[in-house]
Amino acid sequence: SRDNAKNMVYLQMNSLKAEDTAVYYCNADLIQ
């Protein structure tokens, strides 16, 4: 999900498994 007014993005992760173990990176395409 995202909040455009705050320029934020979220990831709610439920029912996590061992295979979900990782470094998670945020990415954005934007105009400066």
Full PDB file with SEQRES, HELIX, SHEET, SSBOND, CRYST1, ORIGX, SCALE, CONECT and MASTER records, all heavy atoms in Angstrom:
SEQRES   1 A   32  SER ARG ASP ASN ALA LYS ASN MET VAL TYR LEU GLN MET          
SEQRES   2 A   32  ASN SER LEU LYS ALA GLU ASP THR ALA VAL TYR TYR CYS          
SEQRES   3 A   32  ASN ALA ASP LEU ILE GLN                                      
HELIX    1 AA1 ALA A   18  ASP A   20  5                                   3    
SHEET    1 AA1 2 ARG A   2  ASP A   3  0                                        
SHEET    2 AA1 2 MET A   8  VAL A   9 -1                                        
CRYST1    1.000    1.000    1.000  90.00  90.00  90.00 P 1           1          
ORIGX1      1.000000  0.000000  0.000000        0.00000                         
ORIGX2      0.000000  1.000000  0.000000        0.00000                         
ORIGX3      0.000000  0.000000  1.000000        0.00000                         
SCALE1      1.000000  0.000000  0.000000        0.00000                         
SCALE2      0.000000  1.000000  0.000000        0.00000                         
SCALE3      0.000000  0.000000  1.000000        0.00000                         
ATOM      1  N   SER A   1       0.846  -1.184   0.000  1.00  0.00           N  
ATOM      2  CA  SER A   1       0.000   0.000   0.000  1.00  0.00           C  
ATOM      3  C   SER A   1       0.887   1.242   0.000  1.00  0.00           C  
ATOM      4  O   SER A   1       2.097   1.156   0.225  1.00  0.00           O  
ATOM      5  CB  SER A   1      -0.944   0.010   1.210  1.00  0.00           C  
ATOM      6  OG  SER A   1      -0.212   0.002   2.421  1.00  0.00           O  
ATOM      7  N   ARG A   2       0.283   2.410  -0.255  1.00  0.00           N  
ATOM      8  CA  ARG A   2       1.067   3.637  -0.306  1.00  0.00           C  
ATOM      9  C   ARG A   2       0.255   4.820   0.181  1.00  0.00           C  
ATOM     10  O   ARG A   2      -0.978   4.790   0.194  1.00  0.00           O  
ATOM     11  CB  ARG A   2       1.575   3.900  -1.731  1.00  0.00           C  
ATOM     12  CG  ARG A   2       0.472   4.176  -2.746  1.00  0.00           C  
ATOM     13  CD  ARG A   2       1.040   4.235  -4.163  1.00  0.00           C  
ATOM     14  NE  ARG A   2       1.896   5.398  -4.361  1.00  0.00           N  
ATOM     15  CZ  ARG A   2       2.652   5.593  -5.446  1.00  0.00           C  
ATOM     16  NH1 ARG A   2       2.679   4.678  -6.409  1.00  0.00           N  
ATOM     17  NH2 ARG A   2       3.393   6.696  -5.547  1.00  0.00           N  
ATOM     18  N   ASP A   3       0.968   5.865   0.572  1.00  0.00           N  
ATOM     19  CA  ASP A   3       0.377   7.132   0.973  1.00  0.00           C  
ATOM     20  C   ASP A   3       1.028   8.192   0.099  1.00  0.00           C  
ATOM     21  O   ASP A   3       2.168   8.592   0.345  1.00  0.00           O  
ATOM     22  CB  ASP A   3       0.620   7.403   2.454  1.00  0.00           C  
ATOM     23  CG  ASP A   3      -0.100   8.640   2.954  1.00  0.00           C  
ATOM     24  OD1 ASP A   3      -0.342   9.566   2.160  1.00  0.00           O  
ATOM     25  OD2 ASP A   3      -0.422   8.691   4.160  1.00  0.00           O  
ATOM     26  N   ASN A   4       0.321   8.636  -0.929  1.00  0.00           N  
ATOM     27  CA  ASN A   4       0.893   9.585  -1.884  1.00  0.00           C  
ATOM     28  C   ASN A   4       1.230  10.929  -1.235  1.00  0.00           C  
ATOM     29  O   ASN A   4       2.209  11.574  -1.604  1.00  0.00           O  
ATOM     30  CB  ASN A   4      -0.067   9.809  -3.052  1.00  0.00           C  
ATOM     31  CG  ASN A   4      -0.201   8.596  -3.936  1.00  0.00           C  
ATOM     32  OD1 ASN A   4       0.655   7.711  -3.941  1.00  0.00           O  
ATOM     33  ND2 ASN A   4      -1.283   8.536  -4.708  1.00  0.00           N  
ATOM     34  N   ALA A   5       0.422  11.365  -0.280  1.00  0.00           N  
ATOM     35  CA  ALA A   5       0.655  12.642   0.379  1.00  0.00           C  
ATOM     36  C   ALA A   5       1.950  12.641   1.183  1.00  0.00           C  
ATOM     37  O   ALA A   5       2.591  13.679   1.333  1.00  0.00           O  
ATOM     38  CB  ALA A   5      -0.522  12.998   1.279  1.00  0.00           C  
ATOM     39  N   LYS A   6       2.336  11.472   1.713  1.00  0.00           N  
ATOM     40  CA  LYS A   6       3.539  11.350   2.527  1.00  0.00           C  
ATOM     41  C   LYS A   6       4.720  10.753   1.766  1.00  0.00           C  
ATOM     42  O   LYS A   6       5.802  10.608   2.335  1.00  0.00           O  
ATOM     43  CB  LYS A   6       3.264  10.503   3.760  1.00  0.00           C  
ATOM     44  CG  LYS A   6       2.240  11.101   4.713  1.00  0.00           C  
ATOM     45  CD  LYS A   6       2.039  10.207   5.928  1.00  0.00           C  
ATOM     46  CE  LYS A   6       1.049  10.808   6.898  1.00  0.00           C  
ATOM     47  NZ  LYS A   6       0.842   9.933   8.083  1.00  0.00           N  
ATOM     48  N   ASN A   7       4.518  10.380   0.502  1.00  0.00           N  
ATOM     49  CA  ASN A   7       5.551   9.714  -0.301  1.00  0.00           C  
ATOM     50  C   ASN A   7       6.088   8.474   0.406  1.00  0.00           C  
ATOM     51  O   ASN A   7       7.299   8.265   0.514  1.00  0.00           O  
ATOM     52  CB  ASN A   7       6.697  10.677  -0.624  1.00  0.00           C  
ATOM     53  CG  ASN A   7       6.309  11.742  -1.626  1.00  0.00           C  
ATOM     54  OD1 ASN A   7       5.433  11.535  -2.465  1.00  0.00           O  
ATOM     55  ND2 ASN A   7       6.964  12.890  -1.551  1.00  0.00           N  
ATOM     56  N   MET A   8       5.166   7.637   0.892  1.00  0.00           N  
ATOM     57  CA  MET A   8       5.543   6.421   1.600  1.00  0.00           C  
ATOM     58  C   MET A   8       4.885   5.197   0.980  1.00  0.00           C  
ATOM     59  O   MET A   8       3.805   5.290   0.385  1.00  0.00           O  
ATOM     60  CB  MET A   8       5.165   6.508   3.076  1.00  0.00           C  
ATOM     61  CG  MET A   8       5.903   7.583   3.847  1.00  0.00           C  
ATOM     62  SD  MET A   8       5.692   7.457   5.642  1.00  0.00           S  
ATOM     63  CE  MET A   8       6.623   5.953   5.977  1.00  0.00           C  
ATOM     64  N   VAL A   9       5.546   4.059   1.119  1.00  0.00           N  
ATOM     65  CA  VAL A   9       5.016   2.776   0.688  1.00  0.00           C  
ATOM     66  C   VAL A   9       5.217   1.778   1.815  1.00  0.00           C  
ATOM     67  O   VAL A   9       6.207   1.852   2.553  1.00  0.00           O  
ATOM     68  CB  VAL A   9       5.680   2.292  -0.620  1.00  0.00           C  
ATOM     69  CG1 VAL A   9       7.175   2.050  -0.424  1.00  0.00           C  
ATOM     70  CG2 VAL A   9       4.991   1.047  -1.146  1.00  0.00           C  
ATOM     71  N   TYR A  10       4.280   0.835   1.956  1.00  0.00           N  
ATOM     72  CA  TYR A  10       4.295  -0.131   3.040  1.00  0.00           C  
ATOM     73  C   TYR A  10       4.166  -1.545   2.486  1.00  0.00           C  
ATOM     74  O   TYR A  10       3.632  -1.763   1.401  1.00  0.00           O  
ATOM     75  CB  TYR A  10       3.144   0.124   4.019  1.00  0.00           C  
ATOM     76  CG  TYR A  10       3.043   1.546   4.483  1.00  0.00           C  
ATOM     77  CD1 TYR A  10       2.255   2.471   3.800  1.00  0.00           C  
ATOM     78  CD2 TYR A  10       3.733   1.981   5.616  1.00  0.00           C  
ATOM     79  CE1 TYR A  10       2.163   3.780   4.219  1.00  0.00           C  
ATOM     80  CE2 TYR A  10       3.647   3.287   6.047  1.00  0.00           C  
ATOM     81  CZ  TYR A  10       2.855   4.185   5.345  1.00  0.00           C  
ATOM     82  OH  TYR A  10       2.770   5.486   5.772  1.00  0.00           O  
ATOM     83  N   LEU A  11       4.640  -2.506   3.266  1.00  0.00           N  
ATOM     84  CA  LEU A  11       4.462  -3.914   2.932  1.00  0.00           C  
ATOM     85  C   LEU A  11       4.054  -4.655   4.194  1.00  0.00           C  
ATOM     86  O   LEU A  11       4.867  -4.832   5.101  1.00  0.00           O  
ATOM     87  CB  LEU A  11       5.745  -4.520   2.358  1.00  0.00           C  
ATOM     88  CG  LEU A  11       5.622  -5.958   1.852  1.00  0.00           C  
ATOM     89  CD1 LEU A  11       4.728  -6.005   0.612  1.00  0.00           C  
ATOM     90  CD2 LEU A  11       6.990  -6.545   1.531  1.00  0.00           C  
ATOM     91  N   GLN A  12       2.789  -5.066   4.259  1.00  0.00           N  
ATOM     92  CA  GLN A  12       2.291  -5.872   5.364  1.00  0.00           C  
ATOM     93  C   GLN A  12       2.529  -7.332   5.031  1.00  0.00           C  
ATOM     94  O   GLN A  12       2.019  -7.831   4.030  1.00  0.00           O  
ATOM     95  CB  GLN A  12       0.799  -5.615   5.592  1.00  0.00           C  
ATOM     96  CG  GLN A  12       0.186  -6.449   6.706  1.00  0.00           C  
ATOM     97  CD  GLN A  12       0.739  -6.103   8.067  1.00  0.00           C  
ATOM     98  OE1 GLN A  12       0.860  -4.931   8.411  1.00  0.00           O  
ATOM     99  NE2 GLN A  12       1.094  -7.116   8.845  1.00  0.00           N  
ATOM    100  N   MET A  13       3.300  -8.024   5.865  1.00  0.00           N  
ATOM    101  CA  MET A  13       3.677  -9.404   5.620  1.00  0.00           C  
ATOM    102  C   MET A  13       3.060 -10.286   6.702  1.00  0.00           C  
ATOM    103  O   MET A  13       3.395 -10.156   7.881  1.00  0.00           O  
ATOM    104  CB  MET A  13       5.199  -9.560   5.603  1.00  0.00           C  
ATOM    105  CG  MET A  13       5.895  -8.655   4.593  1.00  0.00           C  
ATOM    106  SD  MET A  13       7.681  -8.948   4.495  1.00  0.00           S  
ATOM    107  CE  MET A  13       8.171  -8.422   6.142  1.00  0.00           C  
ATOM    108  N   ASN A  14       2.177 -11.188   6.307  1.00  0.00           N  
ATOM    109  CA  ASN A  14       1.517 -12.120   7.217  1.00  0.00           C  
ATOM    110  C   ASN A  14       1.886 -13.556   6.862  1.00  0.00           C  
ATOM    111  O   ASN A  14       2.356 -13.835   5.766  1.00  0.00           O  
ATOM    112  CB  ASN A  14      -0.003 -11.958   7.159  1.00  0.00           C  
ATOM    113  CG  ASN A  14      -0.471 -10.585   7.564  1.00  0.00           C  
ATOM    114  OD1 ASN A  14       0.113  -9.940   8.437  1.00  0.00           O  
ATOM    115  ND2 ASN A  14      -1.566 -10.125   6.946  1.00  0.00           N  
ATOM    116  N   SER A  15       1.650 -14.460   7.796  1.00  0.00           N  
ATOM    117  CA  SER A  15       1.930 -15.888   7.591  1.00  0.00           C  
ATOM    118  C   SER A  15       3.337 -16.103   7.051  1.00  0.00           C  
ATOM    119  O   SER A  15       3.555 -16.834   6.083  1.00  0.00           O  
ATOM    120  CB  SER A  15       0.893 -16.500   6.641  1.00  0.00           C  
ATOM    121  OG  SER A  15      -0.419 -16.349   7.149  1.00  0.00           O  
ATOM    122  N   LEU A  16       4.303 -15.483   7.680  1.00  0.00           N  
ATOM    123  CA  LEU A  16       5.680 -15.524   7.193  1.00  0.00           C  
ATOM    124  C   LEU A  16       6.267 -16.932   7.266  1.00  0.00           C  
ATOM    125  O   LEU A  16       5.985 -17.695   8.192  1.00  0.00           O  
ATOM    126  CB  LEU A  16       6.543 -14.553   7.982  1.00  0.00           C  
ATOM    127  CG  LEU A  16       6.365 -13.085   7.590  1.00  0.00           C  
ATOM    128  CD1 LEU A  16       6.902 -12.167   8.673  1.00  0.00           C  
ATOM    129  CD2 LEU A  16       7.072 -12.808   6.268  1.00  0.00           C  
ATOM    130  N   LYS A  17       7.087 -17.241   6.273  1.00  0.00           N  
ATOM    131  CA  LYS A  17       7.762 -18.526   6.165  1.00  0.00           C  
ATOM    132  C   LYS A  17       9.270 -18.317   6.216  1.00  0.00           C  
ATOM    133  O   LYS A  17       9.764 -17.223   5.949  1.00  0.00           O  
ATOM    134  CB  LYS A  17       7.390 -19.224   4.851  1.00  0.00           C  
ATOM    135  CG  LYS A  17       5.905 -19.367   4.598  1.00  0.00           C  
ATOM    136  CD  LYS A  17       5.651 -19.916   3.204  1.00  0.00           C  
ATOM    137  CE  LYS A  17       4.173 -20.040   2.911  1.00  0.00           C  
ATOM    138  NZ  LYS A  17       3.927 -20.552   1.539  1.00  0.00           N  
ATOM    139  N   ALA A  18       9.998 -19.374   6.517  1.00  0.00           N  
ATOM    140  CA  ALA A  18      11.451 -19.295   6.561  1.00  0.00           C  
ATOM    141  C   ALA A  18      12.022 -18.842   5.217  1.00  0.00           C  
ATOM    142  O   ALA A  18      13.032 -18.127   5.172  1.00  0.00           O  
ATOM    143  CB  ALA A  18      12.048 -20.647   6.957  1.00  0.00           C  
ATOM    144  N   GLU A  19      11.379 -19.230   4.120  1.00  0.00           N  
ATOM    145  CA  GLU A  19      11.842 -18.857   2.792  1.00  0.00           C  
ATOM    146  C   GLU A  19      11.668 -17.374   2.488  1.00  0.00           C  
ATOM    147  O   GLU A  19      12.168 -16.892   1.478  1.00  0.00           O  
ATOM    148  CB  GLU A  19      11.122 -19.693   1.724  1.00  0.00           C  
ATOM    149  CG  GLU A  19       9.620 -19.468   1.679  1.00  0.00           C  
ATOM    150  CD  GLU A  19       8.893 -20.527   0.863  1.00  0.00           C  
ATOM    151  OE1 GLU A  19       9.051 -21.722   1.186  1.00  0.00           O  
ATOM    152  OE2 GLU A  19       8.186 -20.157  -0.089  1.00  0.00           O  
ATOM    153  N   ASP A  20      10.957 -16.640   3.347  1.00  0.00           N  
ATOM    154  CA  ASP A  20      10.817 -15.195   3.183  1.00  0.00           C  
ATOM    155  C   ASP A  20      12.030 -14.440   3.726  1.00  0.00           C  
ATOM    156  O   ASP A  20      12.119 -13.219   3.551  1.00  0.00           O  
ATOM    157  CB  ASP A  20       9.558 -14.685   3.881  1.00  0.00           C  
ATOM    158  CG  ASP A  20       8.286 -15.221   3.256  1.00  0.00           C  
ATOM    159  OD1 ASP A  20       8.200 -15.262   2.012  1.00  0.00           O  
ATOM    160  OD2 ASP A  20       7.365 -15.599   4.015  1.00  0.00           O  
ATOM    161  N   THR A  21      12.937 -15.125   4.398  1.00  0.00           N  
ATOM    162  CA  THR A  21      14.127 -14.492   4.950  1.00  0.00           C  
ATOM    163  C   THR A  21      14.962 -13.866   3.835  1.00  0.00           C  
ATOM    164  O   THR A  21      15.353 -14.544   2.885  1.00  0.00           O  
ATOM    165  CB  THR A  21      14.975 -15.508   5.726  1.00  0.00           C  
ATOM    166  OG1 THR A  21      14.239 -15.993   6.850  1.00  0.00           O  
ATOM    167  CG2 THR A  21      16.266 -14.865   6.217  1.00  0.00           C  
ATOM    168  N   ALA A  22      15.223 -12.567   3.947  1.00  0.00           N  
ATOM    169  CA  ALA A  22      15.953 -11.841   2.919  1.00  0.00           C  
ATOM    170  C   ALA A  22      16.142 -10.394   3.355  1.00  0.00           C  
ATOM    171  O   ALA A  22      15.548  -9.943   4.338  1.00  0.00           O  
ATOM    172  CB  ALA A  22      15.195 -11.879   1.590  1.00  0.00           C  
ATOM    173  N   VAL A  23      16.976  -9.675   2.617  1.00  0.00           N  
ATOM    174  CA  VAL A  23      17.039  -8.228   2.738  1.00  0.00           C  
ATOM    175  C   VAL A  23      15.996  -7.652   1.798  1.00  0.00           C  
ATOM    176  O   VAL A  23      15.986  -7.978   0.612  1.00  0.00           O  
ATOM    177  CB  VAL A  23      18.432  -7.678   2.399  1.00  0.00           C  
ATOM    178  CG1 VAL A  23      18.432  -6.153   2.437  1.00  0.00           C  
ATOM    179  CG2 VAL A  23      19.473  -8.232   3.361  1.00  0.00           C  
ATOM    180  N   TYR A  24      15.118  -6.817   2.318  1.00  0.00           N  
ATOM    181  CA  TYR A  24      14.046  -6.231   1.535  1.00  0.00           C  
ATOM    182  C   TYR A  24      14.409  -4.793   1.164  1.00  0.00           C  
ATOM    183  O   TYR A  24      14.778  -3.994   2.024  1.00  0.00           O  
ATOM    184  CB  TYR A  24      12.728  -6.264   2.313  1.00  0.00           C  
ATOM    185  CG  TYR A  24      12.110  -7.638   2.364  1.00  0.00           C  
ATOM    186  CD1 TYR A  24      12.686  -8.649   3.119  1.00  0.00           C  
ATOM    187  CD2 TYR A  24      10.961  -7.929   1.630  1.00  0.00           C  
ATOM    188  CE1 TYR A  24      12.142  -9.920   3.147  1.00  0.00           C  
ATOM    189  CE2 TYR A  24      10.402  -9.191   1.655  1.00  0.00           C  
ATOM    190  CZ  TYR A  24      10.999 -10.182   2.413  1.00  0.00           C  
ATOM    191  OH  TYR A  24      10.438 -11.443   2.439  1.00  0.00           O  
ATOM    192  N   TYR A  25      14.274  -4.474  -0.132  1.00  0.00           N  
ATOM    193  CA  TYR A  25      14.657  -3.171  -0.661  1.00  0.00           C  
ATOM    194  C   TYR A  25      13.441  -2.417  -1.183  1.00  0.00           C  
ATOM    195  O   TYR A  25      12.586  -2.989  -1.863  1.00  0.00           O  
ATOM    196  CB  TYR A  25      15.656  -3.314  -1.810  1.00  0.00           C  
ATOM    197  CG  TYR A  25      16.972  -3.932  -1.417  1.00  0.00           C  
ATOM    198  CD1 TYR A  25      17.168  -5.308  -1.489  1.00  0.00           C  
ATOM    199  CD2 TYR A  25      18.032  -3.136  -0.985  1.00  0.00           C  
ATOM    200  CE1 TYR A  25      18.372  -5.881  -1.135  1.00  0.00           C  
ATOM    201  CE2 TYR A  25      19.237  -3.696  -0.632  1.00  0.00           C  
ATOM    202  CZ  TYR A  25      19.405  -5.069  -0.711  1.00  0.00           C  
ATOM    203  OH  TYR A  25      20.610  -5.631  -0.364  1.00  0.00           O  
ATOM    204  N   CYS A  26      13.391  -1.133  -0.896  1.00  0.00           N  
ATOM    205  CA  CYS A  26      12.364  -0.249  -1.416  1.00  0.00           C  
ATOM    206  C   CYS A  26      12.831   0.354  -2.735  1.00  0.00           C  
ATOM    207  O   CYS A  26      14.007   0.691  -2.890  1.00  0.00           O  
ATOM    208  CB  CYS A  26      12.080   0.857  -0.400  1.00  0.00           C  
ATOM    209  SG  CYS A  26      10.853   2.074  -0.908  1.00  0.00           S  
ATOM    210  N   ASN A  27      11.914   0.486  -3.691  1.00  0.00           N  
ATOM    211  CA  ASN A  27      12.222   1.052  -5.001  1.00  0.00           C  
ATOM    212  C   ASN A  27      11.153   2.059  -5.398  1.00  0.00           C  
ATOM    213  O   ASN A  27       9.977   1.872  -5.094  1.00  0.00           O  
ATOM    214  CB  ASN A  27      12.305  -0.062  -6.049  1.00  0.00           C  
ATOM    215  CG  ASN A  27      12.412   0.464  -7.462  1.00  0.00           C  
ATOM    216  OD1 ASN A  27      11.426   0.504  -8.197  1.00  0.00           O  
ATOM    217  ND2 ASN A  27      13.606   0.880  -7.845  1.00  0.00           N  
ATOM    218  N   ALA A  28      11.567   3.130  -6.081  1.00  0.00           N  
ATOM    219  CA  ALA A  28      10.610   4.123  -6.552  1.00  0.00           C  
ATOM    220  C   ALA A  28      11.079   4.766  -7.843  1.00  0.00           C  
ATOM    221  O   ALA A  28      12.271   5.057  -8.004  1.00  0.00           O  
ATOM    222  CB  ALA A  28      10.390   5.206  -5.496  1.00  0.00           C  
ATOM    223  N   ASP A  29      10.142   4.969  -8.771  1.00  0.00           N  
ATOM    224  CA  ASP A  29      10.357   5.780  -9.965  1.00  0.00           C  
ATOM    225  C   ASP A  29       9.736   7.139  -9.682  1.00  0.00           C  
ATOM    226  O   ASP A  29       8.552   7.216  -9.364  1.00  0.00           O  
ATOM    227  CB  ASP A  29       9.696   5.159 -11.190  1.00  0.00           C  
ATOM    228  CG  ASP A  29      10.296   3.818 -11.555  1.00  0.00           C  
ATOM    229  OD1 ASP A  29      11.525   3.660 -11.410  1.00  0.00           O  
ATOM    230  OD2 ASP A  29       9.537   2.929 -12.000  1.00  0.00           O  
ATOM    231  N   LEU A  30      10.523   8.209  -9.795  1.00  0.00           N  
ATOM    232  CA  LEU A  30      10.017   9.515  -9.426  1.00  0.00           C  
ATOM    233  C   LEU A  30      10.600  10.622 -10.282  1.00  0.00           C  
ATOM    234  O   LEU A  30      11.583  10.430 -10.997  1.00  0.00           O  
ATOM    235  CB  LEU A  30      10.289   9.795  -7.939  1.00  0.00           C  
ATOM    236  CG  LEU A  30      11.723   9.684  -7.428  1.00  0.00           C  
ATOM    237  CD1 LEU A  30      12.496  10.975  -7.694  1.00  0.00           C  
ATOM    238  CD2 LEU A  30      11.722   9.374  -5.943  1.00  0.00           C  
ATOM    239  N   ILE A  31       9.973  11.788 -10.201  1.00  0.00           N  
ATOM    240  CA  ILE A  31      10.414  12.985 -10.910  1.00  0.00           C  
ATOM    241  C   ILE A  31      10.912  13.994  -9.892  1.00  0.00           C  
ATOM    242  O   ILE A  31      10.173  14.383  -8.982  1.00  0.00           O  
ATOM    243  CB  ILE A  31       9.275  13.600 -11.742  1.00  0.00           C  
ATOM    244  CG1 ILE A  31       8.714  12.574 -12.729  1.00  0.00           C  
ATOM    245  CG2 ILE A  31       9.762  14.837 -12.486  1.00  0.00           C  
ATOM    246  CD1 ILE A  31       7.482  13.056 -13.468  1.00  0.00           C  
ATOM    247  N   GLN A  32      12.154  14.425 -10.024  1.00  0.00           N  
ATOM    248  CA  GLN A  32      12.715  15.444  -9.150  1.00  0.00           C  
ATOM    249  C   GLN A  32      12.353  16.840  -9.649  1.00  0.00           C  
ATOM    250  O   GLN A  32      12.088  17.036 -10.838  1.00  0.00           O  
ATOM    251  CB  GLN A  32      14.241  15.335  -9.096  1.00  0.00           C  
ATOM    252  CG  GLN A  32      14.764  14.047  -8.532  1.00  0.00           C  
ATOM    253  CD  GLN A  32      16.268  14.047  -8.466  1.00  0.00           C  
ATOM    254  OE1 GLN A  32      16.866  14.533  -7.495  1.00  0.00           O  
ATOM    255  NE2 GLN A  32      16.904  13.518  -9.496  1.00  0.00           N  
TER     256      GLN A  32                                                      
MASTER        0    0    0    1    2    0    0    6  255    1    0    3          
END                                                                             
